[in-house]
Protein backbone atom coordinates (compact mmCIF):
# COMPACT_ATOMS: atom_id res chain seq x y z
CA MET A 1 -2.21 -14.05 11.55
CA ALA A 2 -0.20 -12.15 8.86
CA ASN A 3 3.61 -12.19 8.71
CA GLY A 4 6.62 -10.37 7.32
CA LYS A 5 5.96 -12.84 4.38
CA THR A 6 2.16 -12.64 4.11
CA HIS A 7 2.69 -8.86 4.03
CA SER A 8 5.10 -9.04 0.88
CA ILE A 9 3.22 -11.11 -1.13
CA ALA A 10 -0.05 -9.34 -0.46
CA GLY A 11 1.84 -5.91 -0.93
CA THR A 12 3.48 -7.83 -4.65
CA VAL A 13 0.31 -8.80 -5.81
CA SER A 14 -1.54 -5.15 -5.02
CA GLY A 15 1.27 -3.65 -6.94
CA LEU A 16 0.71 -6.31 -9.76
CA ALA A 17 -2.91 -5.68 -9.37
CA VAL A 18 -2.94 -1.92 -10.16
CA PRO A 19 -1.94 -1.66 -13.65
CA LEU A 20 -3.13 -4.97 -14.25
CA LEU A 21 -7.08 -4.04 -13.12
CA ALA A 22 -6.38 -0.07 -14.74
CA LYS A 23 -5.98 -1.07 -18.62
CA ASP A 24 -5.10 2.47 -19.11
CA ALA A 25 -1.88 2.57 -16.68
CA ILE A 26 -0.49 -0.65 -18.71
CA LYS A 27 -1.09 1.29 -22.25
CA ASP A 28 0.05 4.62 -20.84
CA ASN A 29 2.91 2.85 -18.99
CA PRO A 30 3.80 -0.50 -19.34
CA GLU A 31 7.16 -0.07 -16.98
CA LEU A 32 4.39 -0.56 -14.45
CA LEU A 33 3.78 -4.42 -14.86
CA VAL A 34 7.55 -4.44 -13.32
CA ALA A 35 7.44 -1.17 -11.16
CA GLY A 36 4.21 -2.12 -9.77
CA PRO A 37 4.70 -5.48 -7.74
CA VAL A 38 8.47 -3.76 -6.59
CA VAL A 39 6.88 -0.65 -4.95
CA GLY A 40 4.04 -2.48 -3.77
CA ASN A 41 6.01 -5.14 -1.81
CA PHE A 42 8.05 -2.19 -0.30
CA PHE A 43 4.86 0.03 0.85
CA GLY A 44 3.38 -3.67 1.64
CA LYS A 45 6.07 -3.82 4.64
CA LEU A 46 6.17 0.00 5.26
CA PRO A 47 4.34 -0.31 8.43
CA ASP A 48 6.21 -2.77 9.97
CA ILE A 49 9.71 -1.19 8.79
CA LEU A 50 8.32 2.25 10.45
CA GLU A 51 6.87 0.12 13.80
CA PRO A 52 8.79 -3.17 13.83
CA ALA A 53 7.37 -6.31 15.33
CA PHE A 54 10.37 -7.24 17.06
CA LYS A 55 10.58 -8.09 20.48
CA ASN A 56 7.10 -5.89 20.83
CA PRO A 57 3.96 -7.46 20.48
CA ASN A 58 2.25 -4.02 20.96
CA HIS A 59 4.37 -2.59 17.68
CA ARG A 60 0.47 -1.50 15.97
CA GLN A 61 0.70 2.32 16.92
CA PHE A 62 -0.06 5.12 14.50
CA PHE A 63 0.84 3.85 11.10
CA HIS A 64 -0.99 0.43 12.18
CA SER A 65 -4.01 2.48 12.62
CA ILE A 66 -7.24 3.23 11.30
CA ALA A 67 -6.51 7.23 10.96
CA VAL A 68 -3.54 5.83 8.60
CA LEU A 69 -5.58 3.85 6.73
CA ALA A 70 -7.95 6.53 6.39
CA ALA A 71 -5.71 9.02 4.78
CA VAL A 72 -3.69 6.38 2.73
CA GLY A 73 -7.65 5.23 1.18
CA TYR A 74 -8.51 8.92 0.48
CA GLY A 75 -4.73 9.49 -1.56
CA VAL A 76 -5.33 6.52 -3.41
CA LYS A 77 -8.59 8.08 -4.22
CA LYS A 78 -7.51 11.31 -5.00
CA ALA A 79 -4.49 9.75 -7.20
CA TYR A 80 -7.20 7.78 -9.07
CA ASP A 81 -9.39 10.70 -9.74
CA TRP A 82 -6.37 12.22 -10.90
CA GLN A 83 -6.29 13.00 -14.38
CA PRO A 84 -2.50 13.34 -15.72
CA GLU A 85 -1.60 15.35 -18.96
CA ASP A 86 2.54 14.12 -19.56
CA LYS A 87 4.52 10.77 -19.45
CA PHE A 88 5.77 11.45 -16.19
CA GLU A 89 2.33 12.65 -14.34
CA LYS A 90 1.19 8.82 -15.42
CA VAL A 91 4.23 6.87 -13.90
CA ILE A 92 4.13 9.20 -10.77
CA ARG A 93 0.30 8.51 -10.40
CA GLY A 94 1.17 4.35 -11.19
CA ILE A 95 3.33 4.54 -8.35
CA LEU A 96 1.21 6.46 -6.32
CA LEU A 97 -1.32 4.14 -6.94
CA CYS A 98 0.87 1.07 -6.56
CA ALA A 99 2.53 2.69 -3.36
CA GLY A 100 -1.08 2.78 -1.98
CA ALA A 101 -2.31 -0.40 -2.77
CA GLY A 102 0.50 -2.02 -0.88
CA TYR A 103 0.24 -0.29 2.39
CA LEU A 104 -3.46 -0.62 2.26
CA SER A 105 -2.73 -4.19 2.16
CA HIS A 106 -0.64 -4.34 5.07
CA LEU A 107 -3.49 -3.10 7.01
CA ALA A 108 -6.29 -4.47 5.69
CA LEU A 109 -4.62 -7.99 6.79
CA ASP A 110 -3.57 -6.80 10.49
CA ALA A 111 -7.07 -5.17 10.24
CA ILE A 112 -8.33 -8.77 10.15
CA THR A 113 -6.71 -9.92 13.14
CA PRO A 114 -7.75 -10.58 16.56
CA ARG A 115 -5.48 -7.39 17.90
CA SER A 116 -6.84 -5.22 14.72
CA LEU A 117 -6.15 -1.87 14.00
CA PRO A 118 -5.97 0.67 16.87
CA LEU A 119 -8.24 4.04 15.69
CA VAL A 120 -5.06 6.50 16.21
CA GLY A 121 -2.00 5.01 17.92
CA LYS A 122 0.42 6.91 19.28
CA LEU A 123 3.01 8.74 17.48
């Protein structure tokens, strides 16, 4: 079962994977090698910040749902397809990809547990 430390590591690795796998991202934004893991780590823990598990075994609601998984996945795909024109836009694109990868890593780890993810959950 994934815990906070596991989500933190997975988010960090996901945030680092983005600039390493997208060679153009490193060329255009070498700072993503540092910022990516930090952003991925934060967004890898974000679902549990929004819906804490503390004294609540049924904490997986909307922000831990398949609906949010699909929405974030769609957002990551749109960011991936985006062709930024200037340096600022390239940095924003890289940050969006790292953030999305971190959040998706959290949901993917939760999805493979026995409790899995709700379809929509409660807000």
